[in-house]
Amino acid sequence: MAEARPWSVVAGGLVVAVRLTPRGGRDAVEGIERRADGACVLKARVRAAPREGEANDALVALLARAAHVPPRHVTLVSGMTARIKRVMIAGDGPTIAAALERAVTAA
């Protein structure tokens, strides 16, 4: 059985569940975590503080770099003020998933 991943390929791209840690000291993808409810999330941390959307903007830039897409292709779908967020990354879903897999493995 394949290991669970926090992303799923959808029409037009990939949807990713992310647990964001703002003011984390660095901008990084830190791996995958299984939550108590059984759901998987991509762990990410950013230096930016969670005010006026700064942490969300930093997350968008971080995921764009990790997925090798322009930042305009990364959109927050839900969780604007929450720690757990859903993010849509537009493009070829399997290619983006492979790029995120490499980012997670490198973490």
PDB file of N, CA and C in Angstrom:
ATOM      1  N   MET A   1       0.845  -1.187   0.000  1.00  0.00           N
ATOM      2  CA  MET A   1       0.000   0.000   0.000  1.00  0.00           C
ATOM      3  C   MET A   1       0.890   1.249   0.000  1.00  0.00           C
ATOM      4  N   ALA A   2       0.556   2.203  -0.846  1.00  0.00           N
ATOM      5  CA  ALA A   2       1.335   3.436  -0.955  1.00  0.00           C
ATOM      6  C   ALA A   2       1.141   4.288   0.302  1.00  0.00           C
ATOM      7  N   GLU A   3       2.184   4.999   0.655  1.00  0.00           N
ATOM      8  CA  GLU A   3       2.118   5.885   1.805  1.00  0.00           C
ATOM      9  C   GLU A   3       1.208   7.068   1.484  1.00  0.00           C
ATOM     10  N   ALA A   4       0.408   7.487   2.450  1.00  0.00           N
ATOM     11  CA  ALA A   4      -0.528   8.590   2.245  1.00  0.00           C
ATOM     12  C   ALA A   4       0.231   9.889   2.039  1.00  0.00           C
ATOM     13  N   ARG A   5      -0.291  10.717   1.182  1.00  0.00           N
ATOM     14  CA  ARG A   5       0.302  12.017   0.886  1.00  0.00           C
ATOM     15  C   ARG A   5      -0.751  13.098   1.123  1.00  0.00           C
ATOM     16  N   PRO A   6      -0.309  14.313   1.488  1.00  0.00           N
ATOM     17  CA  PRO A   6      -1.247  15.391   1.792  1.00  0.00           C
ATOM     18  C   PRO A   6      -1.725  16.141   0.553  1.00  0.00           C
ATOM     19  N   TRP A   7      -1.510  15.589  -0.616  1.00  0.00           N
ATOM     20  CA  TRP A   7      -1.948  16.257  -1.834  1.00  0.00           C
ATOM     21  C   TRP A   7      -2.754  15.304  -2.686  1.00  0.00           C
ATOM     22  N   SER A   8      -3.569  15.896  -3.542  1.00  0.00           N
ATOM     23  CA  SER A   8      -4.342  15.102  -4.499  1.00  0.00           C
ATOM     24  C   SER A   8      -4.394  15.853  -5.821  1.00  0.00           C
ATOM     25  N   VAL A   9      -4.269  15.069  -6.884  1.00  0.00           N
ATOM     26  CA  VAL A   9      -4.341  15.634  -8.236  1.00  0.00           C
ATOM     27  C   VAL A   9      -5.799  15.932  -8.534  1.00  0.00           C
ATOM     28  N   VAL A  10      -6.063  17.142  -9.010  1.00  0.00           N
ATOM     29  CA  VAL A  10      -7.409  17.568  -9.398  1.00  0.00           C
ATOM     30  C   VAL A  10      -7.315  18.180 -10.793  1.00  0.00           C
ATOM     31  N   ALA A  11      -8.463  18.429 -11.389  1.00  0.00           N
ATOM     32  CA  ALA A  11      -8.471  19.080 -12.696  1.00  0.00           C
ATOM     33  C   ALA A  11      -7.758  20.426 -12.578  1.00  0.00           C
ATOM     34  N   GLY A  12      -6.743  20.610 -13.365  1.00  0.00           N
ATOM     35  CA  GLY A  12      -6.029  21.882 -13.377  1.00  0.00           C
ATOM     36  C   GLY A  12      -4.868  21.992 -12.427  1.00  0.00           C
ATOM     37  N   GLY A  13      -4.571  20.937 -11.662  1.00  0.00           N
ATOM     38  CA  GLY A  13      -3.422  21.042 -10.775  1.00  0.00           C
ATOM     39  C   GLY A  13      -3.426  20.080  -9.614  1.00  0.00           C
ATOM     40  N   LEU A  14      -3.057  20.604  -8.445  1.00  0.00           N
ATOM     41  CA  LEU A  14      -2.874  19.798  -7.246  1.00  0.00           C
ATOM     42  C   LEU A  14      -3.418  20.582  -6.055  1.00  0.00           C
ATOM     43  N   VAL A  15      -4.136  19.915  -5.160  1.00  0.00           N
ATOM     44  CA  VAL A  15      -4.590  20.528  -3.914  1.00  0.00           C
ATOM     45  C   VAL A  15      -3.763  19.924  -2.790  1.00  0.00           C
ATOM     46  N   VAL A  16      -3.223  20.784  -1.935  1.00  0.00           N
ATOM     47  CA  VAL A  16      -2.324  20.355  -0.866  1.00  0.00           C
ATOM     48  C   VAL A  16      -2.860  20.828   0.481  1.00  0.00           C
ATOM     49  N   ALA A  17      -2.865  19.927   1.478  1.00  0.00           N
ATOM     50  CA  ALA A  17      -3.175  20.294   2.857  1.00  0.00           C
ATOM     51  C   ALA A  17      -1.855  20.637   3.532  1.00  0.00           C
ATOM     52  N   VAL A  18      -1.791  21.818   4.137  1.00  0.00           N
ATOM     53  CA  VAL A  18      -0.536  22.320   4.718  1.00  0.00           C
ATOM     54  C   VAL A  18      -0.769  22.722   6.167  1.00  0.00           C
ATOM     55  N   ARG A  19       0.192  22.361   7.026  1.00  0.00           N
ATOM     56  CA  ARG A  19       0.220  22.895   8.397  1.00  0.00           C
ATOM     57  C   ARG A  19       1.349  23.905   8.435  1.00  0.00           C
ATOM     58  N   LEU A  20       0.998  25.169   8.596  1.00  0.00           N
ATOM     59  CA  LEU A  20       1.968  26.261   8.538  1.00  0.00           C
ATOM     60  C   LEU A  20       2.381  26.712   9.928  1.00  0.00           C
ATOM     61  N   THR A  21       3.683  26.872  10.106  1.00  0.00           N
ATOM     62  CA  THR A  21       4.230  27.444  11.334  1.00  0.00           C
ATOM     63  C   THR A  21       4.842  28.799  10.981  1.00  0.00           C
ATOM     64  N   PRO A  22       4.153  29.901  11.325  1.00  0.00           N
ATOM     65  CA  PRO A  22       4.727  31.224  11.079  1.00  0.00           C
ATOM     66  C   PRO A  22       5.795  31.536  12.122  1.00  0.00           C
ATOM     67  N   ARG A  23       6.633  32.526  11.837  1.00  0.00           N
ATOM     68  CA  ARG A  23       7.753  32.895  12.711  1.00  0.00           C
ATOM     69  C   ARG A  23       8.584  31.664  13.055  1.00  0.00           C
ATOM     70  N   GLY A  24       8.818  30.817  12.033  1.00  0.00           N
ATOM     71  CA  GLY A  24       9.528  29.565  12.239  1.00  0.00           C
ATOM     72  C   GLY A  24      11.026  29.663  12.107  1.00  0.00           C
ATOM     73  N   GLY A  25      11.570  30.862  11.906  1.00  0.00           N
ATOM     74  CA  GLY A  25      13.009  31.037  11.845  1.00  0.00           C
ATOM     75  C   GLY A  25      13.613  30.848  10.465  1.00  0.00           C
ATOM     76  N   ARG A  26      12.922  30.149   9.580  1.00  0.00           N
ATOM     77  CA  ARG A  26      13.401  29.933   8.210  1.00  0.00           C
ATOM     78  C   ARG A  26      12.212  29.537   7.350  1.00  0.00           C
ATOM     79  N   ASP A  27      12.385  29.627   6.050  1.00  0.00           N
ATOM     80  CA  ASP A  27      11.347  29.202   5.118  1.00  0.00           C
ATOM     81  C   ASP A  27      11.731  27.809   4.635  1.00  0.00           C
ATOM     82  N   ALA A  28      10.898  26.807   4.954  1.00  0.00           N
ATOM     83  CA  ALA A  28      11.248  25.434   4.593  1.00  0.00           C
ATOM     84  C   ALA A  28      10.040  24.516   4.587  1.00  0.00           C
ATOM     85  N   VAL A  29      10.094  23.529   3.705  1.00  0.00           N
ATOM     86  CA  VAL A  29       9.173  22.398   3.741  1.00  0.00           C
ATOM     87  C   VAL A  29       9.855  21.372   4.635  1.00  0.00           C
ATOM     88  N   GLU A  30       9.144  20.893   5.655  1.00  0.00           N
ATOM     89  CA  GLU A  30       9.776  20.027   6.649  1.00  0.00           C
ATOM     90  C   GLU A  30       9.338  18.576   6.593  1.00  0.00           C
ATOM     91  N   GLY A  31       8.482  18.220   5.683  1.00  0.00           N
ATOM     92  CA  GLY A  31       8.064  16.832   5.592  1.00  0.00           C
ATOM     93  C   GLY A  31       6.567  16.682   5.677  1.00  0.00           C
ATOM     94  N   ILE A  32       6.152  15.464   5.966  1.00  0.00           N
ATOM     95  CA  ILE A  32       4.731  15.133   6.042  1.00  0.00           C
ATOM     96  C   ILE A  32       4.430  14.638   7.448  1.00  0.00           C
ATOM     97  N   GLU A  33       3.285  15.054   7.961  1.00  0.00           N
ATOM     98  CA  GLU A  33       2.864  14.660   9.300  1.00  0.00           C
ATOM     99  C   GLU A  33       1.472  14.047   9.224  1.00  0.00           C
ATOM    100  N   ARG A  34       1.278  12.953   9.954  1.00  0.00           N
ATOM    101  CA  ARG A  34      -0.070  12.371  10.085  1.00  0.00           C
ATOM    102  C   ARG A  34      -0.664  12.930  11.373  1.00  0.00           C
ATOM    103  N   ARG A  35      -1.805  13.586  11.235  1.00  0.00           N
ATOM    104  CA  ARG A  35      -2.469  14.200  12.381  1.00  0.00           C
ATOM    105  C   ARG A  35      -3.242  13.153  13.174  1.00  0.00           C
ATOM    106  N   ALA A  36      -3.699  13.512  14.351  1.00  0.00           N
ATOM    107  CA  ALA A  36      -4.435  12.596  15.212  1.00  0.00           C
ATOM    108  C   ALA A  36      -5.706  12.066  14.545  1.00  0.00           C
ATOM    109  N   ASP A  37      -6.292  12.874  13.656  1.00  0.00           N
ATOM    110  CA  ASP A  37      -7.510  12.449  12.969  1.00  0.00           C
ATOM    111  C   ASP A  37      -7.218  11.553  11.761  1.00  0.00           C
ATOM    112  N   GLY A  38      -5.934  11.262  11.524  1.00  0.00           N
ATOM    113  CA  GLY A  38      -5.546  10.385  10.425  1.00  0.00           C
ATOM    114  C   GLY A  38      -5.210  11.100   9.134  1.00  0.00           C
ATOM    115  N   ALA A  39      -5.522  12.384   9.053  1.00  0.00           N
ATOM    116  CA  ALA A  39      -5.235  13.146   7.835  1.00  0.00           C
ATOM    117  C   ALA A  39      -3.745  13.484   7.771  1.00  0.00           C
ATOM    118  N   CYS A  40      -3.209  13.531   6.560  1.00  0.00           N
ATOM    119  CA  CYS A  40      -1.817  13.920   6.350  1.00  0.00           C
ATOM    120  C   CYS A  40      -1.757  15.386   5.951  1.00  0.00           C
ATOM    121  N   VAL A  41      -0.726  16.079   6.430  1.00  0.00           N
ATOM    122  CA  VAL A  41      -0.491  17.467   6.058  1.00  0.00           C
ATOM    123  C   VAL A  41       0.978  17.645   5.710  1.00  0.00           C
ATOM    124  N   LEU A  42       1.246  18.580   4.821  1.00  0.00           N
ATOM    125  CA  LEU A  42       2.605  18.975   4.495  1.00  0.00           C
ATOM    126  C   LEU A  42       3.028  19.993   5.545  1.00  0.00           C
ATOM    127  N   LYS A  43       4.115  19.723   6.255  1.00  0.00           N
ATOM    128  CA  LYS A  43       4.599  20.657   7.272  1.00  0.00           C
ATOM    129  C   LYS A  43       5.473  21.703   6.601  1.00  0.00           C
ATOM    130  N   ALA A  44       5.155  22.972   6.870  1.00  0.00           N
ATOM    131  CA  ALA A  44       5.933  24.081   6.319  1.00  0.00           C
ATOM    132  C   ALA A  44       6.116  25.126   7.396  1.00  0.00           C
ATOM    133  N   ARG A  45       7.249  25.811   7.329  1.00  0.00           N
ATOM    134  CA  ARG A  45       7.485  26.930   8.248  1.00  0.00           C
ATOM    135  C   ARG A  45       8.001  28.112   7.450  1.00  0.00           C
ATOM    136  N   VAL A  46       7.647  29.294   7.912  1.00  0.00           N
ATOM    137  CA  VAL A  46       8.103  30.523   7.263  1.00  0.00           C
ATOM    138  C   VAL A  46       8.584  31.499   8.333  1.00  0.00           C
ATOM    139  N   ARG A  47       9.467  32.401   7.930  1.00  0.00           N
ATOM    140  CA  ARG A  47       9.979  33.424   8.850  1.00  0.00           C
ATOM    141  C   ARG A  47       8.931  34.489   9.155  1.00  0.00           C
ATOM    142  N   ALA A  48       8.051  34.737   8.219  1.00  0.00           N
ATOM    143  CA  ALA A  48       7.082  35.839   8.336  1.00  0.00           C
ATOM    144  C   ALA A  48       6.117  35.626   9.501  1.00  0.00           C
ATOM    145  N   ALA A  49       5.674  36.740  10.039  1.00  0.00           N
ATOM    146  CA  ALA A  49       4.690  36.722  11.122  1.00  0.00           C
ATOM    147  C   ALA A  49       3.284  36.579  10.534  1.00  0.00           C
ATOM    148  N   PRO A  50       2.352  36.056  11.338  1.00  0.00           N
ATOM    149  CA  PRO A  50       0.987  35.878  10.843  1.00  0.00           C
ATOM    150  C   PRO A  50       0.144  37.143  10.947  1.00  0.00           C
ATOM    151  N   ARG A  51       0.588  38.207  10.334  1.00  0.00           N
ATOM    152  CA  ARG A  51      -0.190  39.452  10.358  1.00  0.00           C
ATOM    153  C   ARG A  51      -0.308  39.985   8.933  1.00  0.00           C
ATOM    154  N   GLU A  52      -1.474  40.508   8.640  1.00  0.00           N
ATOM    155  CA  GLU A  52      -1.762  41.125   7.341  1.00  0.00           C
ATOM    156  C   GLU A  52      -1.391  40.226   6.164  1.00  0.00           C
ATOM    157  N   GLY A  53      -1.517  38.914   6.349  1.00  0.00           N
ATOM    158  CA  GLY A  53      -1.274  37.978   5.258  1.00  0.00           C
ATOM    159  C   GLY A  53       0.178  37.707   4.931  1.00  0.00           C
ATOM    160  N   GLU A  54       1.104  38.205   5.753  1.00  0.00           N
ATOM    161  CA  GLU A  54       2.527  38.028   5.459  1.00  0.00           C
ATOM    162  C   GLU A  54       2.934  36.555   5.450  1.00  0.00           C
ATOM    163  N   ALA A  55       2.462  35.796   6.431  1.00  0.00           N
ATOM    164  CA  ALA A  55       2.818  34.373   6.496  1.00  0.00           C
ATOM    165  C   ALA A  55       2.206  33.614   5.315  1.00  0.00           C
ATOM    166  N   ASN A  56       0.984  33.962   4.949  1.00  0.00           N
ATOM    167  CA  ASN A  56       0.351  33.318   3.794  1.00  0.00           C
ATOM    168  C   ASN A  56       1.115  33.622   2.506  1.00  0.00           C
ATOM    169  N   ASP A  57       1.537  34.865   2.339  1.00  0.00           N
ATOM    170  CA  ASP A  57       2.320  35.236   1.154  1.00  0.00           C
ATOM    171  C   ASP A  57       3.643  34.469   1.117  1.00  0.00           C
ATOM    172  N   ALA A  58       4.275  34.321   2.278  1.00  0.00           N
ATOM    173  CA  ALA A  58       5.531  33.576   2.346  1.00  0.00           C
ATOM    174  C   ALA A  58       5.297  32.100   2.023  1.00  0.00           C
ATOM    175  N   LEU A  59       4.163  31.550   2.475  1.00  0.00           N
ATOM    176  CA  LEU A  59       3.825  30.158   2.153  1.00  0.00           C
ATOM    177  C   LEU A  59       3.634  29.981   0.655  1.00  0.00           C
ATOM    178  N   VAL A  60       2.941  30.911   0.019  1.00  0.00           N
ATOM    179  CA  VAL A  60       2.728  30.847  -1.430  1.00  0.00           C
ATOM    180  C   VAL A  60       4.082  30.838  -2.145  1.00  0.00           C
ATOM    181  N   ALA A  61       4.991  31.722  -1.745  1.00  0.00           N
ATOM    182  CA  ALA A  61       6.313  31.775  -2.374  1.00  0.00           C
ATOM    183  C   ALA A  61       7.086  30.482  -2.136  1.00  0.00           C
ATOM    184  N   LEU A  62       7.018  29.946  -0.923  1.00  0.00           N
ATOM    185  CA  LEU A  62       7.715  28.701  -0.589  1.00  0.00           C
ATOM    186  C   LEU A  62       7.200  27.536  -1.427  1.00  0.00           C
ATOM    187  N   LEU A  63       5.882  27.390  -1.514  1.00  0.00           N
ATOM    188  CA  LEU A  63       5.316  26.283  -2.293  1.00  0.00           C
ATOM    189  C   LEU A  63       5.593  26.451  -3.785  1.00  0.00           C
ATOM    190  N   ALA A  64       5.596  27.684  -4.270  1.00  0.00           N
ATOM    191  CA  ALA A  64       5.918  27.925  -5.678  1.00  0.00           C
ATOM    192  C   ALA A  64       7.339  27.465  -5.983  1.00  0.00           C
ATOM    193  N   ARG A  65       8.273  27.791  -5.095  1.00  0.00           N
ATOM    194  CA  ARG A  65       9.661  27.338  -5.285  1.00  0.00           C
ATOM    195  C   ARG A  65       9.746  25.819  -5.244  1.00  0.00           C
ATOM    196  N   ALA A  66       9.082  25.209  -4.269  1.00  0.00           N
ATOM    197  CA  ALA A  66       9.146  23.754  -4.112  1.00  0.00           C
ATOM    198  C   ALA A  66       8.518  23.026  -5.294  1.00  0.00           C
ATOM    199  N   ALA A  67       7.446  23.595  -5.857  1.00  0.00           N
ATOM    200  CA  ALA A  67       6.723  22.955  -6.963  1.00  0.00           C
ATOM    201  C   ALA A  67       7.254  23.368  -8.328  1.00  0.00           C
ATOM    202  N   HIS A  68       8.187  24.317  -8.354  1.00  0.00           N
ATOM    203  CA  HIS A  68       8.768  24.820  -9.611  1.00  0.00           C
ATOM    204  C   HIS A  68       7.700  25.431 -10.519  1.00  0.00           C
ATOM    205  N   VAL A  69       6.864  26.281  -9.902  1.00  0.00           N
ATOM    206  CA  VAL A  69       5.845  27.014 -10.653  1.00  0.00           C
ATOM    207  C   VAL A  69       5.927  28.480 -10.255  1.00  0.00           C
ATOM    208  N   PRO A  70       5.384  29.380 -11.074  1.00  0.00           N
ATOM    209  CA  PRO A  70       5.346  30.792 -10.676  1.00  0.00           C
ATOM    210  C   PRO A  70       4.403  30.985  -9.479  1.00  0.00           C
ATOM    211  N   PRO A  71       4.682  31.937  -8.605  1.00  0.00           N
ATOM    212  CA  PRO A  71       3.819  32.180  -7.446  1.00  0.00           C
ATOM    213  C   PRO A  71       2.361  32.443  -7.815  1.00  0.00           C
ATOM    214  N   ARG A  72       2.108  32.986  -8.992  1.00  0.00           N
ATOM    215  CA  ARG A  72       0.715  33.263  -9.386  1.00  0.00           C
ATOM    216  C   ARG A  72      -0.092  31.975  -9.589  1.00  0.00           C
ATOM    217  N   HIS A  73       0.578  30.821  -9.678  1.00  0.00           N
ATOM    218  CA  HIS A  73      -0.108  29.540  -9.834  1.00  0.00           C
ATOM    219  C   HIS A  73      -0.483  28.915  -8.493  1.00  0.00           C
ATOM    220  N   VAL A  74      -0.103  29.549  -7.391  1.00  0.00           N
ATOM    221  CA  VAL A  74      -0.381  29.023  -6.052  1.00  0.00           C
ATOM    222  C   VAL A  74      -1.435  29.901  -5.395  1.00  0.00           C
ATOM    223  N   THR A  75      -2.544  29.276  -4.967  1.00  0.00           N
ATOM    224  CA  THR A  75      -3.669  30.010  -4.393  1.00  0.00           C
ATOM    225  C   THR A  75      -4.133  29.351  -3.106  1.00  0.00           C
ATOM    226  N   LEU A  76      -4.336  30.142  -2.051  1.00  0.00           N
ATOM    227  CA  LEU A  76      -4.931  29.621  -0.827  1.00  0.00           C
ATOM    228  C   LEU A  76      -6.419  29.395  -1.071  1.00  0.00           C
ATOM    229  N   VAL A  77      -6.880  28.174  -0.823  1.00  0.00           N
ATOM    230  CA  VAL A  77      -8.281  27.830  -1.031  1.00  0.00           C
ATOM    231  C   VAL A  77      -9.058  28.011   0.268  1.00  0.00           C
ATOM    232  N   SER A  78      -8.460  27.600   1.385  1.00  0.00           N
ATOM    233  CA  SER A  78      -9.119  27.753   2.683  1.00  0.00           C
ATOM    234  C   SER A  78      -8.072  27.844   3.779  1.00  0.00           C
ATOM    235  N   GLY A  79      -8.502  28.333   4.946  1.00  0.00           N
ATOM    236  CA  GLY A  79      -7.609  28.430   6.088  1.00  0.00           C
ATOM    237  C   GLY A  79      -6.799  29.703   6.139  1.00  0.00           C
ATOM    238  N   MET A  80      -7.335  30.789   5.616  1.00  0.00           N
ATOM    239  CA  MET A  80      -6.586  32.048   5.569  1.00  0.00           C
ATOM    240  C   MET A  80      -6.021  32.446   6.934  1.00  0.00           C
ATOM    241  N   THR A  81      -6.776  32.230   8.013  1.00  0.00           N
ATOM    242  CA  THR A  81      -6.309  32.619   9.340  1.00  0.00           C
ATOM    243  C   THR A  81      -6.023  31.417  10.231  1.00  0.00           C
ATOM    244  N   ALA A  82      -6.098  30.214   9.680  1.00  0.00           N
ATOM    245  CA  ALA A  82      -5.870  28.992  10.457  1.00  0.00           C
ATOM    246  C   ALA A  82      -4.471  28.442  10.204  1.00  0.00           C
ATOM    247  N   ARG A  83      -4.034  27.571  11.081  1.00  0.00           N
ATOM    248  CA  ARG A  83      -2.735  26.920  10.914  1.00  0.00           C
ATOM    249  C   ARG A  83      -2.797  25.879   9.793  1.00  0.00           C
ATOM    250  N   ILE A  84      -3.939  25.179   9.674  1.00  0.00           N
ATOM    251  CA  ILE A  84      -4.114  24.180   8.618  1.00  0.00           C
ATOM    252  C   ILE A  84      -4.758  24.876   7.419  1.00  0.00           C
ATOM    253  N   LYS A  85      -4.134  24.742   6.262  1.00  0.00           N
ATOM    254  CA  LYS A  85      -4.589  25.439   5.059  1.00  0.00           C
ATOM    255  C   LYS A  85      -4.728  24.453   3.902  1.00  0.00           C
ATOM    256  N   ARG A  86      -5.570  24.800   2.952  1.00  0.00           N
ATOM    257  CA  ARG A  86      -5.655  24.055   1.692  1.00  0.00           C
ATOM    258  C   ARG A  86      -5.192  25.002   0.603  1.00  0.00           C
ATOM    259  N   VAL A  87      -4.281  24.498  -0.222  1.00  0.00           N
ATOM    260  CA  VAL A  87      -3.656  25.319  -1.255  1.00  0.00           C
ATOM    261  C   VAL A  87      -3.828  24.628  -2.591  1.00  0.00           C
ATOM    262  N   MET A  88      -4.181  25.400  -3.615  1.00  0.00           N
ATOM    263  CA  MET A  88      -4.283  24.893  -4.983  1.00  0.00           C
ATOM    264  C   MET A  88      -3.048  25.355  -5.741  1.00  0.00           C
ATOM    265  N   ILE A  89      -2.377  24.398  -6.387  1.00  0.00           N
ATOM    266  CA  ILE A  89      -1.234  24.725  -7.236  1.00  0.00           C
ATOM    267  C   ILE A  89      -1.625  24.368  -8.660  1.00  0.00           C
ATOM    268  N   ALA A  90      -1.745  25.379  -9.508  1.00  0.00           N
ATOM    269  CA  ALA A  90      -2.181  25.173 -10.892  1.00  0.00           C
ATOM    270  C   ALA A  90      -1.037  24.646 -11.738  1.00  0.00           C
ATOM    271  N   GLY A  91      -1.391  23.764 -12.665  1.00  0.00           N
ATOM    272  CA  GLY A  91      -0.400  23.197 -13.576  1.00  0.00           C
ATOM    273  C   GLY A  91      -0.664  21.718 -13.773  1.00  0.00           C
ATOM    274  N   ASP A  92       0.367  20.994 -14.188  1.00  0.00           N
ATOM    275  CA  ASP A  92       0.255  19.562 -14.392  1.00  0.00           C
ATOM    276  C   ASP A  92       0.379  18.858 -13.040  1.00  0.00           C
ATOM    277  N   GLY A  93      -0.723  18.314 -12.546  1.00  0.00           N
ATOM    278  CA  GLY A  93      -0.776  17.715 -11.213  1.00  0.00           C
ATOM    279  C   GLY A  93       0.313  16.693 -10.925  1.00  0.00           C
ATOM    280  N   PRO A  94       0.490  15.674 -11.783  1.00  0.00           N
ATOM    281  CA  PRO A  94       1.529  14.677 -11.507  1.00  0.00           C
ATOM    282  C   PRO A  94       2.945  15.261 -11.457  1.00  0.00           C
ATOM    283  N   THR A  95       3.230  16.234 -12.293  1.00  0.00           N
ATOM    284  CA  THR A  95       4.558  16.870 -12.287  1.00  0.00           C
ATOM    285  C   THR A  95       4.758  17.654 -10.997  1.00  0.00           C
ATOM    286  N   ILE A  96       3.737  18.372 -10.571  1.00  0.00           N
ATOM    287  CA  ILE A  96       3.818  19.138  -9.319  1.00  0.00           C
ATOM    288  C   ILE A  96       3.957  18.191  -8.130  1.00  0.00           C
ATOM    289  N   ALA A  97       3.199  17.085  -8.147  1.00  0.00           N
ATOM    290  CA  ALA A  97       3.294  16.097  -7.067  1.00  0.00           C
ATOM    291  C   ALA A  97       4.711  15.533  -6.979  1.00  0.00           C
ATOM    292  N   ALA A  98       5.313  15.259  -8.125  1.00  0.00           N
ATOM    293  CA  ALA A  98       6.688  14.740  -8.138  1.00  0.00           C
ATOM    294  C   ALA A  98       7.666  15.766  -7.555  1.00  0.00           C
ATOM    295  N   ALA A  99       7.469  17.041  -7.873  1.00  0.00           N
ATOM    296  CA  ALA A  99       8.342  18.089  -7.340  1.00  0.00           C
ATOM    297  C   ALA A  99       8.182  18.197  -5.816  1.00  0.00           C
ATOM    298  N   LEU A 100       6.947  18.119  -5.317  1.00  0.00           N
ATOM    299  CA  LEU A 100       6.725  18.175  -3.877  1.00  0.00           C
ATOM    300  C   LEU A 100       7.312  16.944  -3.191  1.00  0.00           C
ATOM    301  N   GLU A 101       7.200  15.793  -3.848  1.00  0.00           N
ATOM    302  CA  GLU A 101       7.792  14.564  -3.294  1.00  0.00           C
ATOM    303  C   GLU A 101       9.305  14.734  -3.121  1.00  0.00           C
ATOM    304  N   ARG A 102       9.955  15.350  -4.109  1.00  0.00           N
ATOM    305  CA  ARG A 102      11.394  15.603  -4.003  1.00  0.00           C
ATOM    306  C   ARG A 102      11.693  16.585  -2.865  1.00  0.00           C
ATOM    307  N   ALA A 103      10.852  17.607  -2.713  1.00  0.00           N
ATOM    308  CA  ALA A 103      11.050  18.586  -1.638  1.00  0.00           C
ATOM    309  C   ALA A 103      10.902  17.933  -0.268  1.00  0.00           C
ATOM    310  N   VAL A 104       9.943  17.030  -0.149  1.00  0.00           N
ATOM    311  CA  VAL A 104       9.721  16.328   1.120  1.00  0.00           C
ATOM    312  C   VAL A 104      10.889  15.390   1.420  1.00  0.00           C
ATOM    313  N   THR A 105      11.371  14.712   0.403  1.00  0.00           N
ATOM    314  CA  THR A 105      12.479  13.776   0.578  1.00  0.00           C
ATOM    315  C   THR A 105      13.755  14.515   0.981  1.00  0.00           C
ATOM    316  N   ALA A 106      13.931  15.721   0.450  1.00  0.00           N
ATOM    317  CA  ALA A 106      15.128  16.515   0.749  1.00  0.00           C
ATOM    318  C   ALA A 106      15.065  17.129   2.153  1.00  0.00           C
ATOM    319  N   ALA A 107      13.876  17.185   2.727  1.00  0.00           N
ATOM    320  CA  ALA A 107      13.706  17.835   4.038  1.00  0.00           C
ATOM    321  C   ALA A 107      14.342  17.050   5.164  1.00  0.00           C
TER     322      ALA A 107
END
